[in-house]
């Protein structure tokens, strides 16, 4: 992963991301973390990420690794490899940094960067976000953003199969 394409947000390994977050914090910028598989990109993803960006100055997007997408979504997924999914997300103007995380949950990434806001989609409530206690431990906040969960990659796949 690299930040070789100047038009796109940098796609960074965790250590480099942590260092960049430290720099942004020195400038008193609010850090927001959003995460997901982003396998078949759709308007729900755009609305989720736009809502996340509205919470602060720096939006970091964590992308589930290929192995974890397979575990979560099943055989045949992801349709696009992690580096391509990361590149698509990095091309969005409101995304500042992208990283791929190999763990089953985003917990370790949260612990590493301690975002001011951990943004989740509307298929969650603040009380149902699995990472909410970890975020509270260091004083961060969980926020629910995006449009109603009317879009999903799984639904798109179902429509294509008809």
N, C-alpha and C. Protein backbone atom coordinates (compact mmCIF):
# COMPACT_ATOMS: atom_id res chain seq x y z
N UNK A 1 0.85 -1.18 0.00
CA UNK A 1 0.00 0.00 0.00
C UNK A 1 0.89 1.24 0.00
N UNK A 2 0.44 2.24 -0.69
CA UNK A 2 1.24 3.45 -0.73
C UNK A 2 0.34 4.64 -1.01
N UNK A 3 0.94 5.81 -0.96
CA UNK A 3 0.20 7.01 -1.30
C UNK A 3 0.78 7.61 -2.57
N UNK A 4 1.04 6.76 -3.58
CA UNK A 4 1.72 7.19 -4.79
C UNK A 4 0.85 8.01 -5.72
N UNK A 5 -0.48 7.85 -5.69
CA UNK A 5 -1.35 8.62 -6.57
C UNK A 5 -1.83 9.86 -5.83
N UNK A 6 -1.33 11.02 -6.22
CA UNK A 6 -1.61 12.26 -5.50
C UNK A 6 -3.08 12.67 -5.53
N UNK A 7 -3.86 12.13 -6.47
CA UNK A 7 -5.28 12.50 -6.54
C UNK A 7 -6.10 11.79 -5.47
N UNK A 8 -5.59 10.68 -4.97
CA UNK A 8 -6.33 9.85 -4.04
C UNK A 8 -5.82 10.04 -2.62
N UNK A 9 -6.67 9.71 -1.66
CA UNK A 9 -6.23 9.70 -0.27
C UNK A 9 -5.18 8.61 -0.10
N UNK A 10 -4.21 8.83 0.76
CA UNK A 10 -3.20 7.80 0.98
C UNK A 10 -3.81 6.52 1.58
N UNK A 11 -3.33 5.38 1.10
CA UNK A 11 -3.68 4.09 1.66
C UNK A 11 -2.46 3.67 2.50
N UNK A 12 -2.65 3.64 3.81
CA UNK A 12 -1.52 3.50 4.71
C UNK A 12 -1.60 2.25 5.57
N UNK A 13 -0.43 1.67 5.84
CA UNK A 13 -0.31 0.62 6.84
C UNK A 13 -0.58 1.26 8.21
N UNK A 14 -0.91 0.45 9.18
CA UNK A 14 -1.32 0.97 10.49
C UNK A 14 -0.28 1.88 11.15
N UNK A 15 0.99 1.52 11.12
CA UNK A 15 2.00 2.35 11.78
C UNK A 15 2.10 3.73 11.13
N UNK A 16 2.08 3.77 9.82
CA UNK A 16 2.13 5.07 9.12
C UNK A 16 0.86 5.86 9.40
N UNK A 17 -0.28 5.16 9.44
CA UNK A 17 -1.54 5.84 9.73
C UNK A 17 -1.51 6.44 11.13
N UNK A 18 -1.03 5.69 12.09
CA UNK A 18 -0.95 6.19 13.47
C UNK A 18 -0.08 7.45 13.55
N UNK A 19 1.03 7.46 12.82
CA UNK A 19 1.89 8.63 12.79
C UNK A 19 1.19 9.83 12.16
N UNK A 20 0.46 9.60 11.07
CA UNK A 20 -0.28 10.69 10.42
C UNK A 20 -1.38 11.24 11.32
N UNK A 21 -2.06 10.34 12.05
CA UNK A 21 -3.10 10.78 12.98
C UNK A 21 -2.49 11.67 14.06
N UNK A 22 -1.32 11.32 14.56
CA UNK A 22 -0.64 12.14 15.57
C UNK A 22 -0.37 13.55 15.03
N UNK A 23 0.03 13.63 13.79
CA UNK A 23 0.28 14.95 13.17
C UNK A 23 -1.01 15.75 13.09
N UNK A 24 -2.08 15.10 12.64
CA UNK A 24 -3.38 15.79 12.52
C UNK A 24 -3.89 16.24 13.89
N UNK A 25 -3.67 15.44 14.91
CA UNK A 25 -4.10 15.81 16.27
C UNK A 25 -3.36 17.04 16.77
N UNK A 26 -2.08 17.16 16.42
CA UNK A 26 -1.31 18.35 16.83
C UNK A 26 -1.92 19.62 16.25
N UNK A 27 -2.61 19.47 15.13
CA UNK A 27 -3.29 20.61 14.50
C UNK A 27 -4.74 20.73 14.99
N UNK A 28 -5.06 20.00 16.06
CA UNK A 28 -6.40 20.03 16.68
C UNK A 28 -7.52 19.64 15.74
N UNK A 29 -7.25 18.70 14.85
CA UNK A 29 -8.28 18.22 13.94
C UNK A 29 -9.01 17.03 14.56
N UNK A 30 -10.34 17.04 14.39
CA UNK A 30 -11.15 15.91 14.87
C UNK A 30 -11.00 14.74 13.90
N UNK A 31 -10.73 13.57 14.46
CA UNK A 31 -10.49 12.35 13.69
C UNK A 31 -11.77 11.51 13.73
N UNK A 32 -12.19 11.06 12.54
CA UNK A 32 -13.38 10.21 12.41
C UNK A 32 -12.95 8.91 11.75
N UNK A 33 -13.43 7.80 12.28
CA UNK A 33 -13.18 6.49 11.67
C UNK A 33 -14.49 5.89 11.21
N UNK A 34 -14.52 5.47 9.97
CA UNK A 34 -15.63 4.68 9.41
C UNK A 34 -15.00 3.38 8.90
N UNK A 35 -15.79 2.33 8.82
CA UNK A 35 -15.20 1.07 8.35
C UNK A 35 -16.25 0.22 7.65
N UNK A 36 -15.76 -0.72 6.86
CA UNK A 36 -16.65 -1.65 6.17
C UNK A 36 -15.92 -2.46 5.13
N UNK A 37 -16.69 -3.33 4.48
CA UNK A 37 -16.13 -4.18 3.42
C UNK A 37 -16.03 -3.42 2.10
N UNK A 38 -17.06 -2.65 1.77
CA UNK A 38 -17.09 -1.87 0.53
C UNK A 38 -16.81 -2.73 -0.69
N UNK A 39 -17.47 -3.88 -0.74
CA UNK A 39 -17.21 -4.85 -1.80
C UNK A 39 -17.86 -4.46 -3.11
N UNK A 40 -19.13 -4.20 -3.11
CA UNK A 40 -19.83 -3.66 -4.28
C UNK A 40 -20.31 -2.28 -3.87
N UNK A 41 -19.62 -1.29 -4.34
CA UNK A 41 -19.87 0.08 -3.89
C UNK A 41 -21.22 0.58 -4.38
N UNK A 42 -21.99 1.21 -3.50
CA UNK A 42 -23.31 1.74 -3.86
C UNK A 42 -23.58 3.05 -3.12
N UNK A 43 -24.69 3.68 -3.42
CA UNK A 43 -25.01 5.00 -2.88
C UNK A 43 -25.09 5.00 -1.36
N UNK A 44 -25.48 3.90 -0.76
CA UNK A 44 -25.50 3.83 0.70
C UNK A 44 -24.12 4.04 1.29
N UNK A 45 -23.10 3.50 0.62
CA UNK A 45 -21.72 3.72 1.08
C UNK A 45 -21.35 5.20 1.00
N UNK A 46 -21.70 5.84 -0.10
CA UNK A 46 -21.39 7.26 -0.27
C UNK A 46 -22.05 8.07 0.85
N UNK A 47 -23.31 7.82 1.11
CA UNK A 47 -24.03 8.58 2.14
C UNK A 47 -23.47 8.32 3.54
N UNK A 48 -23.07 7.09 3.79
CA UNK A 48 -22.44 6.75 5.07
C UNK A 48 -21.12 7.51 5.25
N UNK A 49 -20.27 7.47 4.24
CA UNK A 49 -18.97 8.12 4.34
C UNK A 49 -19.10 9.64 4.37
N UNK A 50 -20.03 10.19 3.62
CA UNK A 50 -20.27 11.64 3.65
C UNK A 50 -20.75 12.06 5.04
N UNK A 51 -21.64 11.27 5.62
CA UNK A 51 -22.11 11.56 6.98
C UNK A 51 -20.99 11.47 8.00
N UNK A 52 -20.10 10.50 7.81
CA UNK A 52 -18.96 10.36 8.71
C UNK A 52 -18.04 11.58 8.61
N UNK A 53 -17.77 12.03 7.41
CA UNK A 53 -16.88 13.18 7.20
C UNK A 53 -17.44 14.43 7.86
N UNK A 54 -18.76 14.56 7.89
CA UNK A 54 -19.39 15.74 8.49
C UNK A 54 -19.11 15.84 9.99
N UNK A 55 -18.64 14.78 10.61
CA UNK A 55 -18.37 14.79 12.05
C UNK A 55 -17.03 15.42 12.42
N UNK A 56 -16.12 15.54 11.45
CA UNK A 56 -14.80 16.05 11.79
C UNK A 56 -14.02 16.47 10.57
N UNK A 57 -12.77 16.78 10.80
CA UNK A 57 -11.92 17.27 9.71
C UNK A 57 -11.20 16.15 8.97
N UNK A 58 -10.90 15.05 9.65
CA UNK A 58 -10.13 13.97 9.04
C UNK A 58 -10.95 12.69 9.06
N UNK A 59 -11.24 12.14 7.88
CA UNK A 59 -11.97 10.88 7.78
C UNK A 59 -11.02 9.77 7.38
N UNK A 60 -10.93 8.78 8.25
CA UNK A 60 -10.16 7.56 8.00
C UNK A 60 -11.16 6.46 7.72
N UNK A 61 -10.92 5.69 6.67
CA UNK A 61 -11.79 4.56 6.36
C UNK A 61 -10.99 3.28 6.48
N UNK A 62 -11.47 2.40 7.34
CA UNK A 62 -10.89 1.07 7.50
C UNK A 62 -11.62 0.09 6.60
N UNK A 63 -10.86 -0.64 5.80
CA UNK A 63 -11.41 -1.63 4.86
C UNK A 63 -11.10 -3.02 5.40
N UNK A 64 -12.11 -3.86 5.50
CA UNK A 64 -11.89 -5.25 5.92
C UNK A 64 -11.02 -5.96 4.89
N UNK A 65 -10.06 -6.75 5.37
CA UNK A 65 -9.20 -7.53 4.48
C UNK A 65 -10.02 -8.57 3.73
N UNK A 66 -9.45 -9.09 2.65
CA UNK A 66 -10.12 -10.13 1.87
C UNK A 66 -10.49 -11.32 2.74
N UNK A 67 -9.57 -11.76 3.59
CA UNK A 67 -9.85 -12.92 4.45
C UNK A 67 -11.06 -12.66 5.35
N UNK A 68 -11.14 -11.48 5.91
CA UNK A 68 -12.24 -11.17 6.82
C UNK A 68 -13.57 -11.00 6.07
N UNK A 69 -13.52 -10.48 4.85
CA UNK A 69 -14.75 -10.38 4.06
C UNK A 69 -15.28 -11.78 3.77
N UNK A 70 -14.37 -12.70 3.44
CA UNK A 70 -14.78 -14.10 3.20
C UNK A 70 -15.46 -14.69 4.42
N UNK A 71 -14.89 -14.43 5.59
CA UNK A 71 -15.48 -14.95 6.84
C UNK A 71 -16.86 -14.34 7.06
N UNK A 72 -17.00 -13.03 6.85
CA UNK A 72 -18.26 -12.34 7.12
C UNK A 72 -19.33 -12.59 6.06
N UNK A 73 -18.92 -12.61 4.80
CA UNK A 73 -19.89 -12.64 3.70
C UNK A 73 -20.03 -14.00 3.03
N UNK A 74 -19.04 -14.88 3.20
CA UNK A 74 -19.15 -16.21 2.64
C UNK A 74 -18.29 -16.45 1.42
N UNK A 75 -18.38 -17.68 0.92
CA UNK A 75 -17.61 -18.12 -0.24
C UNK A 75 -17.94 -17.24 -1.44
N UNK A 76 -16.93 -16.92 -2.23
CA UNK A 76 -17.14 -16.10 -3.42
C UNK A 76 -17.00 -14.62 -3.17
N UNK A 77 -16.84 -14.23 -1.93
CA UNK A 77 -16.65 -12.82 -1.60
C UNK A 77 -15.24 -12.64 -1.05
N UNK A 78 -14.64 -11.53 -1.20
CA UNK A 78 -15.16 -10.35 -1.89
C UNK A 78 -15.08 -10.51 -3.41
N UNK A 79 -15.82 -9.68 -4.10
CA UNK A 79 -15.77 -9.66 -5.55
C UNK A 79 -14.54 -8.91 -6.04
N UNK A 80 -14.13 -7.92 -5.28
CA UNK A 80 -12.94 -7.14 -5.62
C UNK A 80 -11.90 -7.32 -4.53
N UNK A 81 -10.63 -7.43 -4.89
CA UNK A 81 -9.59 -7.58 -3.88
C UNK A 81 -9.45 -6.31 -3.02
N UNK A 82 -8.91 -6.49 -1.84
CA UNK A 82 -8.82 -5.41 -0.85
C UNK A 82 -8.11 -4.17 -1.39
N UNK A 83 -7.05 -4.33 -2.16
CA UNK A 83 -6.34 -3.15 -2.67
C UNK A 83 -7.20 -2.35 -3.63
N UNK A 84 -8.01 -3.02 -4.43
CA UNK A 84 -8.91 -2.30 -5.34
C UNK A 84 -10.03 -1.63 -4.57
N UNK A 85 -10.58 -2.32 -3.58
CA UNK A 85 -11.63 -1.69 -2.76
C UNK A 85 -11.08 -0.45 -2.05
N UNK A 86 -9.85 -0.55 -1.55
CA UNK A 86 -9.22 0.59 -0.89
C UNK A 86 -8.99 1.74 -1.86
N UNK A 87 -8.58 1.42 -3.08
CA UNK A 87 -8.34 2.47 -4.07
C UNK A 87 -9.63 3.20 -4.44
N UNK A 88 -10.71 2.46 -4.58
CA UNK A 88 -12.00 3.10 -4.89
C UNK A 88 -12.39 4.05 -3.77
N UNK A 89 -12.31 3.60 -2.53
CA UNK A 89 -12.67 4.46 -1.40
C UNK A 89 -11.73 5.65 -1.32
N UNK A 90 -10.44 5.44 -1.58
CA UNK A 90 -9.48 6.54 -1.49
C UNK A 90 -9.71 7.63 -2.53
N UNK A 91 -10.44 7.31 -3.58
CA UNK A 91 -10.71 8.28 -4.64
C UNK A 91 -11.82 9.27 -4.26
N UNK A 92 -12.54 9.01 -3.20
CA UNK A 92 -13.61 9.91 -2.78
C UNK A 92 -13.02 11.17 -2.16
N UNK A 93 -13.51 12.32 -2.57
CA UNK A 93 -12.91 13.59 -2.15
C UNK A 93 -12.99 13.84 -0.66
N UNK A 94 -13.95 13.24 0.02
CA UNK A 94 -14.08 13.50 1.45
C UNK A 94 -13.35 12.48 2.33
N UNK A 95 -12.64 11.54 1.72
CA UNK A 95 -11.84 10.56 2.47
C UNK A 95 -10.40 11.05 2.54
N UNK A 96 -9.84 11.06 3.75
CA UNK A 96 -8.49 11.57 3.95
C UNK A 96 -7.42 10.48 4.00
N UNK A 97 -7.76 9.35 4.62
CA UNK A 97 -6.83 8.22 4.70
C UNK A 97 -7.62 6.93 4.65
N UNK A 98 -6.99 5.90 4.10
CA UNK A 98 -7.58 4.57 4.02
C UNK A 98 -6.57 3.58 4.57
N UNK A 99 -7.08 2.56 5.25
CA UNK A 99 -6.23 1.48 5.71
C UNK A 99 -7.00 0.18 5.60
N UNK A 100 -6.27 -0.90 5.44
CA UNK A 100 -6.88 -2.24 5.39
C UNK A 100 -6.56 -2.92 6.71
N UNK A 101 -7.60 -3.44 7.36
CA UNK A 101 -7.33 -4.11 8.64
C UNK A 101 -7.63 -5.60 8.54
N UNK A 102 -6.70 -6.43 9.07
CA UNK A 102 -6.82 -7.88 8.93
C UNK A 102 -7.60 -8.56 10.05
N UNK A 103 -7.88 -7.85 11.13
CA UNK A 103 -8.55 -8.46 12.28
C UNK A 103 -10.04 -8.65 11.99
N UNK A 104 -10.69 -9.54 12.74
CA UNK A 104 -12.12 -9.79 12.53
C UNK A 104 -13.01 -8.59 12.84
N UNK A 105 -12.54 -7.71 13.72
CA UNK A 105 -13.30 -6.49 14.04
C UNK A 105 -12.39 -5.29 13.93
N UNK A 106 -12.97 -4.13 14.00
CA UNK A 106 -12.23 -2.87 13.88
C UNK A 106 -11.62 -2.44 15.22
N UNK A 107 -11.78 -3.24 16.25
CA UNK A 107 -11.34 -2.91 17.60
C UNK A 107 -9.88 -2.49 17.68
N UNK A 108 -8.99 -3.26 17.09
CA UNK A 108 -7.55 -2.95 17.18
C UNK A 108 -7.21 -1.65 16.46
N UNK A 109 -7.88 -1.38 15.36
CA UNK A 109 -7.66 -0.12 14.66
C UNK A 109 -8.14 1.05 15.53
N UNK A 110 -9.27 0.89 16.16
CA UNK A 110 -9.77 1.93 17.07
C UNK A 110 -8.76 2.18 18.18
N UNK A 111 -8.26 1.12 18.78
CA UNK A 111 -7.28 1.28 19.86
C UNK A 111 -6.01 1.99 19.38
N UNK A 112 -5.63 1.73 18.14
CA UNK A 112 -4.40 2.33 17.60
C UNK A 112 -4.55 3.83 17.33
N UNK A 113 -5.69 4.24 16.79
CA UNK A 113 -5.81 5.65 16.38
C UNK A 113 -6.71 6.48 17.29
N UNK A 114 -7.51 5.84 18.13
CA UNK A 114 -8.40 6.53 19.07
C UNK A 114 -9.15 7.69 18.41
N UNK A 115 -10.02 7.38 17.44
CA UNK A 115 -10.74 8.47 16.76
C UNK A 115 -11.66 9.21 17.72
N UNK A 116 -11.87 10.49 17.44
CA UNK A 116 -12.83 11.27 18.22
C UNK A 116 -14.23 10.72 18.02
N UNK A 117 -14.51 10.28 16.79
CA UNK A 117 -15.80 9.68 16.46
C UNK A 117 -15.58 8.36 15.73
N UNK A 118 -16.31 7.36 16.16
CA UNK A 118 -16.38 6.09 15.42
C UNK A 118 -17.76 6.09 14.77
N UNK A 119 -17.79 6.23 13.45
CA UNK A 119 -19.05 6.36 12.71
C UNK A 119 -19.51 5.00 12.21
N UNK A 120 -20.76 4.70 12.46
CA UNK A 120 -21.38 3.47 11.98
C UNK A 120 -22.64 3.83 11.20
N UNK A 121 -23.07 2.90 10.35
CA UNK A 121 -24.25 3.11 9.53
C UNK A 121 -25.54 2.93 10.31
N UNK A 122 -26.63 3.24 9.64
CA UNK A 122 -27.94 3.24 10.30
C UNK A 122 -28.50 1.85 10.56
N UNK A 123 -27.77 0.81 10.20
CA UNK A 123 -28.19 -0.53 10.60
C UNK A 123 -27.79 -0.79 12.05
N UNK A 124 -27.15 0.18 12.68
CA UNK A 124 -26.79 0.13 14.11
C UNK A 124 -27.54 1.22 14.85
N UNK A 125 -27.56 1.09 16.17
CA UNK A 125 -27.90 2.18 17.08
C UNK A 125 -26.64 2.41 17.90
N UNK A 126 -26.57 3.54 18.58
CA UNK A 126 -25.40 3.82 19.41
C UNK A 126 -25.18 2.68 20.41
N UNK A 127 -26.27 2.13 20.94
CA UNK A 127 -26.15 1.06 21.93
C UNK A 127 -25.80 -0.30 21.34
N UNK A 128 -26.00 -0.48 20.03
CA UNK A 128 -25.70 -1.79 19.44
C UNK A 128 -24.34 -1.86 18.75
N UNK A 129 -23.61 -0.78 18.70
CA UNK A 129 -22.28 -0.78 18.07
C UNK A 129 -21.35 -1.63 18.93
N UNK A 130 -20.80 -2.71 18.37
CA UNK A 130 -19.98 -3.62 19.18
C UNK A 130 -18.77 -2.96 19.85
N UNK A 131 -18.22 -1.95 19.24
CA UNK A 131 -17.00 -1.31 19.75
C UNK A 131 -17.28 -0.13 20.68
N UNK A 132 -18.53 0.11 21.03
CA UNK A 132 -18.90 1.32 21.78
C UNK A 132 -18.15 1.45 23.11
N UNK A 133 -17.94 0.36 23.83
CA UNK A 133 -17.27 0.43 25.13
C UNK A 133 -15.80 0.82 24.98
N UNK A 134 -15.15 0.30 23.95
CA UNK A 134 -13.75 0.65 23.70
C UNK A 134 -13.63 2.13 23.37
N UNK A 135 -14.55 2.63 22.56
CA UNK A 135 -14.54 4.05 22.19
C UNK A 135 -14.76 4.91 23.43
N UNK A 136 -15.69 4.51 24.28
CA UNK A 136 -15.97 5.27 25.52
C UNK A 136 -14.77 5.28 26.46
N UNK A 137 -14.00 4.18 26.49
CA UNK A 137 -12.85 4.06 27.40
C UNK A 137 -11.87 5.22 27.26
N UNK A 138 -11.63 5.69 26.07
CA UNK A 138 -10.65 6.76 25.88
C UNK A 138 -11.33 8.12 25.67
N UNK A 139 -12.65 8.18 25.78
CA UNK A 139 -13.35 9.46 25.67
C UNK A 139 -13.89 9.79 24.29
N UNK A 140 -13.85 8.83 23.37
CA UNK A 140 -14.41 9.06 22.04
C UNK A 140 -15.92 8.90 22.05
N UNK A 141 -16.51 9.15 20.89
CA UNK A 141 -17.97 9.03 20.75
C UNK A 141 -18.32 8.16 19.56
N UNK A 142 -19.43 7.46 19.68
CA UNK A 142 -19.98 6.69 18.57
C UNK A 142 -21.06 7.54 17.93
N UNK A 143 -21.10 7.57 16.62
CA UNK A 143 -22.12 8.32 15.89
C UNK A 143 -22.73 7.43 14.81
N UNK A 144 -24.02 7.54 14.64
CA UNK A 144 -24.74 6.81 13.59
C UNK A 144 -24.98 7.80 12.45
N UNK A 145 -24.54 7.44 11.26
CA UNK A 145 -24.61 8.36 10.11
C UNK A 145 -25.08 7.62 8.86
N UNK A 146 -25.48 8.39 7.87
CA UNK A 146 -25.88 7.82 6.58
C UNK A 146 -27.38 7.79 6.44
N UNK A 147 -27.83 7.21 5.36
CA UNK A 147 -29.26 7.12 5.10
C UNK A 147 -29.80 5.83 5.70
N UNK A 148 -31.12 5.68 5.70
CA UNK A 148 -31.68 4.41 6.18
C UNK A 148 -31.08 3.25 5.39
N UNK A 149 -30.98 2.12 6.02
CA UNK A 149 -30.33 0.95 5.40
C UNK A 149 -31.22 0.39 4.29
N UNK A 150 -31.34 1.16 3.21
CA UNK A 150 -32.15 0.75 2.06
C UNK A 150 -31.30 0.16 0.94
N UNK A 151 -29.99 0.13 1.14
CA UNK A 151 -29.08 -0.35 0.11
C UNK A 151 -28.12 -1.35 0.73
N UNK A 152 -27.80 -2.40 0.00
CA UNK A 152 -26.78 -3.32 0.47
C UNK A 152 -26.18 -4.07 -0.71
N UNK A 153 -24.93 -4.45 -0.56
CA UNK A 153 -24.27 -5.22 -1.60
C UNK A 153 -24.96 -6.57 -1.77
N UNK A 154 -25.39 -7.16 -0.67
CA UNK A 154 -26.08 -8.45 -0.72
C UNK A 154 -27.35 -8.35 -1.55
N UNK A 155 -28.11 -7.25 -1.38
CA UNK A 155 -29.32 -7.04 -2.18
C UNK A 155 -28.97 -6.89 -3.66
N UNK A 156 -27.89 -6.16 -3.95
CA UNK A 156 -27.47 -6.00 -5.35
C UNK A 156 -27.13 -7.35 -5.97
N UNK A 157 -26.43 -8.17 -5.21
CA UNK A 157 -26.08 -9.50 -5.71
C UNK A 157 -27.33 -10.30 -6.00
N UNK A 158 -28.30 -10.22 -5.12
CA UNK A 158 -29.57 -10.93 -5.32
C UNK A 158 -30.28 -10.49 -6.59
N UNK A 159 -30.26 -9.20 -6.85
CA UNK A 159 -30.90 -8.67 -8.06
C UNK A 159 -30.16 -9.14 -9.31
N UNK A 160 -28.85 -9.22 -9.24
CA UNK A 160 -28.07 -9.66 -10.40
C UNK A 160 -28.32 -11.13 -10.71
N UNK A 161 -28.64 -11.89 -9.68
CA UNK A 161 -28.87 -13.32 -9.86
C UNK A 161 -30.22 -13.65 -10.47
N UNK A 162 -31.11 -12.66 -10.56
CA UNK A 162 -32.45 -12.91 -11.10
C UNK A 162 -32.47 -12.91 -12.61
